[in-house]
C-alpha cells in the first residue's frame, strides 16, 4: 500500500501516483484508470470491463465470419 497525494488541477482534484505504483499498474502519462467503489474502499485499475465485453463480442463475430474476413483481408 502506498500513500497518494491529492492536488489541485484547475477546478478539479488529481492524485499523484508514486513511480512504483504506476509501474505496477503499467500506466503512463495520459492513460486512463477505472475507479470502482468496493466494500473495502476504492479500487483503481487500468482494466476496462466495458472494453472486455466489446472484445468478447468481436471474438464471436470473427469466429463466426472467419472465412469471409479471410477473403476480405486478401
PDB file of N, CA and C in Angstrom:
ATOM      1  N   UNK A   1       0.849  -1.176   0.000  1.00  0.00           N
ATOM      2  CA  UNK A   1       0.000   0.000   0.000  1.00  0.00           C
ATOM      3  C   UNK A   1       0.886   1.226   0.000  1.00  0.00           C
ATOM      4  N   UNK A   2       0.474   2.241  -0.750  1.00  0.00           N
ATOM      5  CA  UNK A   2       1.235   3.484  -0.774  1.00  0.00           C
ATOM      6  C   UNK A   2       0.280   4.658  -0.583  1.00  0.00           C
ATOM      7  N   UNK A   3       0.808   5.743  -0.059  1.00  0.00           N
ATOM      8  CA  UNK A   3       0.008   6.942   0.146  1.00  0.00           C
ATOM      9  C   UNK A   3      -0.024   7.735  -1.150  1.00  0.00           C
ATOM     10  N   UNK A   4      -1.194   8.274  -1.466  1.00  0.00           N
ATOM     11  CA  UNK A   4      -1.360   9.090  -2.653  1.00  0.00           C
ATOM     12  C   UNK A   4      -1.638  10.516  -2.224  1.00  0.00           C
ATOM     13  N   UNK A   5      -1.093  11.452  -2.966  1.00  0.00           N
ATOM     14  CA  UNK A   5      -1.272  12.860  -2.631  1.00  0.00           C
ATOM     15  C   UNK A   5      -2.321  13.466  -3.560  1.00  0.00           C
ATOM     16  N   UNK A   6      -3.290  14.169  -2.993  1.00  0.00           N
ATOM     17  CA  UNK A   6      -4.328  14.842  -3.758  1.00  0.00           C
ATOM     18  C   UNK A   6      -3.877  16.271  -4.016  1.00  0.00           C
ATOM     19  N   UNK A   7      -3.946  16.687  -5.296  1.00  0.00           N
ATOM     20  CA  UNK A   7      -3.507  18.033  -5.679  1.00  0.00           C
ATOM     21  C   UNK A   7      -4.604  18.712  -6.495  1.00  0.00           C
ATOM     22  N   UNK A   8      -4.550  20.029  -6.526  1.00  0.00           N
ATOM     23  CA  UNK A   8      -5.482  20.824  -7.312  1.00  0.00           C
ATOM     24  C   UNK A   8      -5.027  20.813  -8.772  1.00  0.00           C
ATOM     25  N   UNK A   9      -5.948  20.496  -9.696  1.00  0.00           N
ATOM     26  CA  UNK A   9      -5.668  20.529 -11.130  1.00  0.00           C
ATOM     27  C   UNK A   9      -6.786  21.352 -11.759  1.00  0.00           C
ATOM     28  N   UNK A  10      -6.540  22.635 -11.969  1.00  0.00           N
ATOM     29  CA  UNK A  10      -7.595  23.522 -12.456  1.00  0.00           C
ATOM     30  C   UNK A  10      -8.691  23.607 -11.419  1.00  0.00           C
ATOM     31  N   UNK A  11      -9.928  23.319 -11.826  1.00  0.00           N
ATOM     32  CA  UNK A  11     -11.061  23.318 -10.898  1.00  0.00           C
ATOM     33  C   UNK A  11     -11.327  21.936 -10.321  1.00  0.00           C
ATOM     34  N   UNK A  12     -10.485  20.974 -10.668  1.00  0.00           N
ATOM     35  CA  UNK A  12     -10.669  19.593 -10.214  1.00  0.00           C
ATOM     36  C   UNK A  12      -9.574  19.195  -9.241  1.00  0.00           C
ATOM     37  N   UNK A  13      -9.651  17.960  -8.779  1.00  0.00           N
ATOM     38  CA  UNK A  13      -8.615  17.391  -7.932  1.00  0.00           C
ATOM     39  C   UNK A  13      -7.976  16.219  -8.672  1.00  0.00           C
ATOM     40  N   UNK A  14      -6.694  16.022  -8.449  1.00  0.00           N
ATOM     41  CA  UNK A  14      -5.973  14.915  -9.058  1.00  0.00           C
ATOM     42  C   UNK A  14      -5.198  14.160  -7.998  1.00  0.00           C
ATOM     43  N   UNK A  15      -4.765  12.970  -8.338  1.00  0.00           N
ATOM     44  CA  UNK A  15      -3.993  12.131  -7.426  1.00  0.00           C
ATOM     45  C   UNK A  15      -2.644  11.849  -8.067  1.00  0.00           C
ATOM     46  N   UNK A  16      -1.577  11.987  -7.304  1.00  0.00           N
ATOM     47  CA  UNK A  16      -0.232  11.691  -7.791  1.00  0.00           C
ATOM     48  C   UNK A  16       0.106  10.259  -7.413  1.00  0.00           C
ATOM     49  N   UNK A  17       0.438   9.457  -8.432  1.00  0.00           N
ATOM     50  CA  UNK A  17       0.818   8.063  -8.191  1.00  0.00           C
ATOM     51  C   UNK A  17       2.331   7.973  -8.037  1.00  0.00           C
ATOM     52  N   UNK A  18       2.804   7.310  -6.998  1.00  0.00           N
ATOM     53  CA  UNK A  18       4.246   7.078  -6.887  1.00  0.00           C
ATOM     54  C   UNK A  18       4.727   6.240  -8.074  1.00  0.00           C
ATOM     55  N   UNK A  19       5.984   6.394  -8.438  1.00  0.00           N
ATOM     56  CA  UNK A  19       6.542   5.701  -9.592  1.00  0.00           C
ATOM     57  C   UNK A  19       6.339   4.188  -9.496  1.00  0.00           C
ATOM     58  N   UNK A  20       6.560   3.617  -8.313  1.00  0.00           N
ATOM     59  CA  UNK A  20       6.408   2.172  -8.131  1.00  0.00           C
ATOM     60  C   UNK A  20       4.969   1.731  -8.397  1.00  0.00           C
ATOM     61  N   UNK A  21       4.006   2.528  -7.969  1.00  0.00           N
ATOM     62  CA  UNK A  21       2.597   2.200  -8.186  1.00  0.00           C
ATOM     63  C   UNK A  21       2.255   2.278  -9.669  1.00  0.00           C
ATOM     64  N   UNK A  22       2.740   3.312 -10.363  1.00  0.00           N
ATOM     65  CA  UNK A  22       2.498   3.452 -11.794  1.00  0.00           C
ATOM     66  C   UNK A  22       3.111   2.281 -12.562  1.00  0.00           C
ATOM     67  N   UNK A  23       4.295   1.852 -12.167  1.00  0.00           N
ATOM     68  CA  UNK A  23       4.936   0.704 -12.817  1.00  0.00           C
ATOM     69  C   UNK A  23       4.136  -0.567 -12.568  1.00  0.00           C
ATOM     70  N   UNK A  24       3.654  -0.734 -11.360  1.00  0.00           N
ATOM     71  CA  UNK A  24       2.858  -1.920 -11.004  1.00  0.00           C
ATOM     72  C   UNK A  24       1.559  -1.962 -11.811  1.00  0.00           C
ATOM     73  N   UNK A  25       0.912  -0.798 -11.979  1.00  0.00           N
ATOM     74  CA  UNK A  25      -0.334  -0.721 -12.747  1.00  0.00           C
ATOM     75  C   UNK A  25      -0.077  -0.710 -14.250  1.00  0.00           C
ATOM     76  N   UNK A  26       1.193  -0.528 -14.639  1.00  0.00           N
ATOM     77  CA  UNK A  26       1.596  -0.420 -16.047  1.00  0.00           C
ATOM     78  C   UNK A  26       0.867   0.723 -16.735  1.00  0.00           C
ATOM     79  N   UNK A  27       0.892   1.886 -16.088  1.00  0.00           N
ATOM     80  CA  UNK A  27       0.284   3.079 -16.656  1.00  0.00           C
ATOM     81  C   UNK A  27       1.344   4.154 -16.857  1.00  0.00           C
ATOM     82  N   UNK A  28       1.061   5.034 -17.794  1.00  0.00           N
ATOM     83  CA  UNK A  28       1.946   6.155 -18.086  1.00  0.00           C
ATOM     84  C   UNK A  28       1.089   7.407 -18.242  1.00  0.00           C
ATOM     85  N   UNK A  29       1.742   8.522 -18.412  1.00  0.00           N
ATOM     86  CA  UNK A  29       1.049   9.803 -18.567  1.00  0.00           C
ATOM     87  C   UNK A  29       0.042   9.715 -19.711  1.00  0.00           C
ATOM     88  N   UNK A  30      -1.187  10.121 -19.435  1.00  0.00           N
ATOM     89  CA  UNK A  30      -2.238  10.114 -20.440  1.00  0.00           C
ATOM     90  C   UNK A  30      -3.113   8.874 -20.430  1.00  0.00           C
ATOM     91  N   UNK A  31      -2.699   7.815 -19.738  1.00  0.00           N
ATOM     92  CA  UNK A  31      -3.512   6.603 -19.655  1.00  0.00           C
ATOM     93  C   UNK A  31      -4.726   6.854 -18.764  1.00  0.00           C
ATOM     94  N   UNK A  32      -5.769   6.071 -18.981  1.00  0.00           N
ATOM     95  CA  UNK A  32      -6.983   6.180 -18.169  1.00  0.00           C
ATOM     96  C   UNK A  32      -7.017   5.064 -17.138  1.00  0.00           C
ATOM     97  N   UNK A  33      -7.497   5.394 -15.957  1.00  0.00           N
ATOM     98  CA  UNK A  33      -7.703   4.407 -14.897  1.00  0.00           C
ATOM     99  C   UNK A  33      -9.194   4.335 -14.609  1.00  0.00           C
ATOM    100  N   UNK A  34      -9.672   3.152 -14.298  1.00  0.00           N
ATOM    101  CA  UNK A  34     -11.056   2.976 -13.901  1.00  0.00           C
ATOM    102  C   UNK A  34     -11.123   2.937 -12.383  1.00  0.00           C
ATOM    103  N   UNK A  35     -12.081   3.643 -11.847  1.00  0.00           N
ATOM    104  CA  UNK A  35     -12.257   3.735 -10.401  1.00  0.00           C
ATOM    105  C   UNK A  35     -13.552   3.019 -10.046  1.00  0.00           C
ATOM    106  N   UNK A  36     -13.438   1.985  -9.197  1.00  0.00           N
ATOM    107  CA  UNK A  36     -14.596   1.188  -8.800  1.00  0.00           C
ATOM    108  C   UNK A  36     -14.720   1.255  -7.286  1.00  0.00           C
ATOM    109  N   UNK A  37     -15.924   1.580  -6.825  1.00  0.00           N
ATOM    110  CA  UNK A  37     -16.162   1.614  -5.391  1.00  0.00           C
ATOM    111  C   UNK A  37     -16.469   0.195  -4.916  1.00  0.00           C
ATOM    112  N   UNK A  38     -15.726  -0.269  -3.909  1.00  0.00           N
ATOM    113  CA  UNK A  38     -15.908  -1.609  -3.358  1.00  0.00           C
ATOM    114  C   UNK A  38     -16.300  -1.488  -1.891  1.00  0.00           C
ATOM    115  N   UNK A  39     -16.593  -2.612  -1.261  1.00  0.00           N
ATOM    116  CA  UNK A  39     -16.940  -2.591   0.158  1.00  0.00           C
ATOM    117  C   UNK A  39     -15.763  -2.109   0.999  1.00  0.00           C
ATOM    118  N   UNK A  40     -14.559  -2.420   0.551  1.00  0.00           N
ATOM    119  CA  UNK A  40     -13.363  -2.039   1.303  1.00  0.00           C
ATOM    120  C   UNK A  40     -12.844  -0.651   0.990  1.00  0.00           C
ATOM    121  N   UNK A  41     -13.434   0.036   0.033  1.00  0.00           N
ATOM    122  CA  UNK A  41     -12.964   1.369  -0.339  1.00  0.00           C
ATOM    123  C   UNK A  41     -13.080   1.590  -1.830  1.00  0.00           C
ATOM    124  N   UNK A  42     -11.985   2.056  -2.427  1.00  0.00           N
ATOM    125  CA  UNK A  42     -11.967   2.371  -3.852  1.00  0.00           C
ATOM    126  C   UNK A  42     -10.848   1.584  -4.507  1.00  0.00           C
ATOM    127  N   UNK A  43     -11.114   1.051  -5.697  1.00  0.00           N
ATOM    128  CA  UNK A  43     -10.114   0.280  -6.436  1.00  0.00           C
ATOM    129  C   UNK A  43      -9.799   0.994  -7.744  1.00  0.00           C
ATOM    130  N   UNK A  44      -8.517   1.268  -7.994  1.00  0.00           N
ATOM    131  CA  UNK A  44      -8.057   1.850  -9.245  1.00  0.00           C
ATOM    132  C   UNK A  44      -7.484   0.740 -10.103  1.00  0.00           C
ATOM    133  N   UNK A  45      -7.877   0.727 -11.375  1.00  0.00           N
ATOM    134  CA  UNK A  45      -7.395  -0.317 -12.266  1.00  0.00           C
ATOM    135  C   UNK A  45      -7.327   0.201 -13.691  1.00  0.00           C
ATOM    136  N   UNK A  46      -6.299  -0.202 -14.445  1.00  0.00           N
ATOM    137  CA  UNK A  46      -6.256   0.175 -15.861  1.00  0.00           C
ATOM    138  C   UNK A  46      -7.196  -0.689 -16.703  1.00  0.00           C
ATOM    139  N   UNK A  47      -7.758  -1.742 -16.118  1.00  0.00           N
ATOM    140  CA  UNK A  47      -8.656  -2.656 -16.808  1.00  0.00           C
ATOM    141  C   UNK A  47     -10.022  -2.017 -17.002  1.00  0.00           C
ATOM    142  N   UNK A  48     -10.537  -2.070 -18.216  1.00  0.00           N
ATOM    143  CA  UNK A  48     -11.851  -1.512 -18.532  1.00  0.00           C
ATOM    144  C   UNK A  48     -12.813  -2.664 -18.810  1.00  0.00           C
ATOM    145  N   UNK A  49     -13.734  -2.963 -17.893  1.00  0.00           N
ATOM    146  CA  UNK A  49     -14.644  -4.088 -18.097  1.00  0.00           C
ATOM    147  C   UNK A  49     -15.517  -3.916 -19.338  1.00  0.00           C
ATOM    148  N   UNK A  50     -15.856  -2.701 -19.701  1.00  0.00           N
ATOM    149  CA  UNK A  50     -16.655  -2.451 -20.902  1.00  0.00           C
ATOM    150  C   UNK A  50     -15.909  -2.866 -22.156  1.00  0.00           C
ATOM    151  N   UNK A  51     -14.604  -2.606 -22.188  1.00  0.00           N
ATOM    152  CA  UNK A  51     -13.785  -2.987 -23.337  1.00  0.00           C
ATOM    153  C   UNK A  51     -13.742  -4.502 -23.478  1.00  0.00           C
ATOM    154  N   UNK A  52     -13.639  -5.207 -22.377  1.00  0.00           N
ATOM    155  CA  UNK A  52     -13.590  -6.667 -22.418  1.00  0.00           C
ATOM    156  C   UNK A  52     -14.892  -7.235 -22.983  1.00  0.00           C
ATOM    157  N   UNK A  53     -16.023  -6.641 -22.631  1.00  0.00           N
ATOM    158  CA  UNK A  53     -17.302  -7.096 -23.178  1.00  0.00           C
ATOM    159  C   UNK A  53     -17.344  -6.898 -24.689  1.00  0.00           C
ATOM    160  N   UNK A  54     -16.852  -5.747 -25.151  1.00  0.00           N
ATOM    161  CA  UNK A  54     -16.825  -5.465 -26.591  1.00  0.00           C
ATOM    162  C   UNK A  54     -15.907  -6.440 -27.315  1.00  0.00           C
ATOM    163  N   UNK A  55     -14.770  -6.761 -26.709  1.00  0.00           N
ATOM    164  CA  UNK A  55     -13.836  -7.692 -27.328  1.00  0.00           C
ATOM    165  C   UNK A  55     -14.428  -9.098 -27.391  1.00  0.00           C
ATOM    166  N   UNK A  56     -15.203  -9.491 -26.402  1.00  0.00           N
ATOM    167  CA  UNK A  56     -15.840 -10.811 -26.420  1.00  0.00           C
ATOM    168  C   UNK A  56     -16.818 -10.902 -27.588  1.00  0.00           C
ATOM    169  N   UNK A  57     -17.572  -9.838 -27.828  1.00  0.00           N
ATOM    170  CA  UNK A  57     -18.496  -9.811 -28.959  1.00  0.00           C
ATOM    171  C   UNK A  57     -17.708  -9.867 -30.265  1.00  0.00           C
ATOM    172  N   UNK A  58     -16.636  -9.090 -30.354  1.00  0.00           N
ATOM    173  CA  UNK A  58     -15.806  -9.078 -31.569  1.00  0.00           C
ATOM    174  C   UNK A  58     -15.225 -10.461 -31.845  1.00  0.00           C
ATOM    175  N   UNK A  59     -14.778 -11.164 -30.807  1.00  0.00           N
ATOM    176  CA  UNK A  59     -14.223 -12.512 -30.994  1.00  0.00           C
ATOM    177  C   UNK A  59     -15.275 -13.476 -31.545  1.00  0.00           C
ATOM    178  N   UNK A  60     -16.514 -13.371 -31.036  1.00  0.00           N
ATOM    179  CA  UNK A  60     -17.586 -14.239 -31.537  1.00  0.00           C
ATOM    180  C   UNK A  60     -17.875 -13.946 -33.010  1.00  0.00           C
ATOM    181  N   UNK A  61     -17.914 -12.663 -33.365  1.00  0.00           N
ATOM    182  CA  UNK A  61     -18.161 -12.280 -34.761  1.00  0.00           C
ATOM    183  C   UNK A  61     -17.030 -12.773 -35.651  1.00  0.00           C
ATOM    184  N   UNK A  62     -15.776 -12.593 -35.206  1.00  0.00           N
ATOM    185  CA  UNK A  62     -14.637 -13.032 -36.006  1.00  0.00           C
ATOM    186  C   UNK A  62     -14.639 -14.547 -36.184  1.00  0.00           C
ATOM    187  N   UNK A  63     -15.036 -15.264 -35.164  1.00  0.00           N
ATOM    188  CA  UNK A  63     -15.098 -16.726 -35.260  1.00  0.00           C
ATOM    189  C   UNK A  63     -16.199 -17.145 -36.236  1.00  0.00           C
ATOM    190  N   UNK A  64     -17.349 -16.485 -36.141  1.00  0.00           N
ATOM    191  CA  UNK A  64     -18.487 -16.846 -36.985  1.00  0.00           C
ATOM    192  C   UNK A  64     -18.236 -16.532 -38.454  1.00  0.00           C
ATOM    193  N   UNK A  65     -17.620 -15.384 -38.732  1.00  0.00           N
ATOM    194  CA  UNK A  65     -17.392 -14.946 -40.107  1.00  0.00           C
ATOM    195  C   UNK A  65     -15.924 -15.059 -40.508  1.00  0.00           C
ATOM    196  N   UNK A  66     -15.249 -16.042 -39.964  1.00  0.00           N
ATOM    197  CA  UNK A  66     -13.816 -16.241 -40.203  1.00  0.00           C
ATOM    198  C   UNK A  66     -13.486 -16.318 -41.695  1.00  0.00           C
ATOM    199  N   UNK A  67     -14.214 -17.111 -42.451  1.00  0.00           N
ATOM    200  CA  UNK A  67     -13.920 -17.273 -43.874  1.00  0.00           C
ATOM    201  C   UNK A  67     -14.140 -15.974 -44.646  1.00  0.00           C
ATOM    202  N   UNK A  68     -15.224 -15.281 -44.366  1.00  0.00           N
ATOM    203  CA  UNK A  68     -15.498 -14.022 -45.055  1.00  0.00           C
ATOM    204  C   UNK A  68     -14.422 -12.985 -44.726  1.00  0.00           C
ATOM    205  N   UNK A  69     -14.015 -12.927 -43.471  1.00  0.00           N
ATOM    206  CA  UNK A  69     -12.979 -11.968 -43.079  1.00  0.00           C
ATOM    207  C   UNK A  69     -11.638 -12.321 -43.719  1.00  0.00           C
ATOM    208  N   UNK A  70     -11.370 -13.606 -43.866  1.00  0.00           N
ATOM    209  CA  UNK A  70     -10.123 -14.040 -44.520  1.00  0.00           C
ATOM    210  C   UNK A  70     -10.115 -13.591 -45.980  1.00  0.00           C
ATOM    211  N   UNK A  71     -11.258 -13.736 -46.657  1.00  0.00           N
ATOM    212  CA  UNK A  71     -11.367 -13.298 -48.054  1.00  0.00           C
ATOM    213  C   UNK A  71     -11.233 -11.785 -48.173  1.00  0.00           C
ATOM    214  N   UNK A  72     -11.835 -11.066 -47.272  1.00  0.00           N
ATOM    215  CA  UNK A  72     -11.742  -9.600 -47.304  1.00  0.00           C
ATOM    216  C   UNK A  72     -10.332  -9.098 -47.042  1.00  0.00           C
ATOM    217  N   UNK A  73      -9.556  -9.869 -46.304  1.00  0.00           N
ATOM    218  CA  UNK A  73      -8.193  -9.454 -45.957  1.00  0.00           C
ATOM    219  C   UNK A  73      -7.234  -9.591 -47.137  1.00  0.00           C
ATOM    220  N   UNK A  74      -7.647 -10.320 -48.193  1.00  0.00           N
ATOM    221  CA  UNK A  74      -6.765 -10.525 -49.352  1.00  0.00           C
ATOM    222  C   UNK A  74      -6.594  -9.274 -50.165  1.00  0.00           C
TER     223      UNK A  74
END
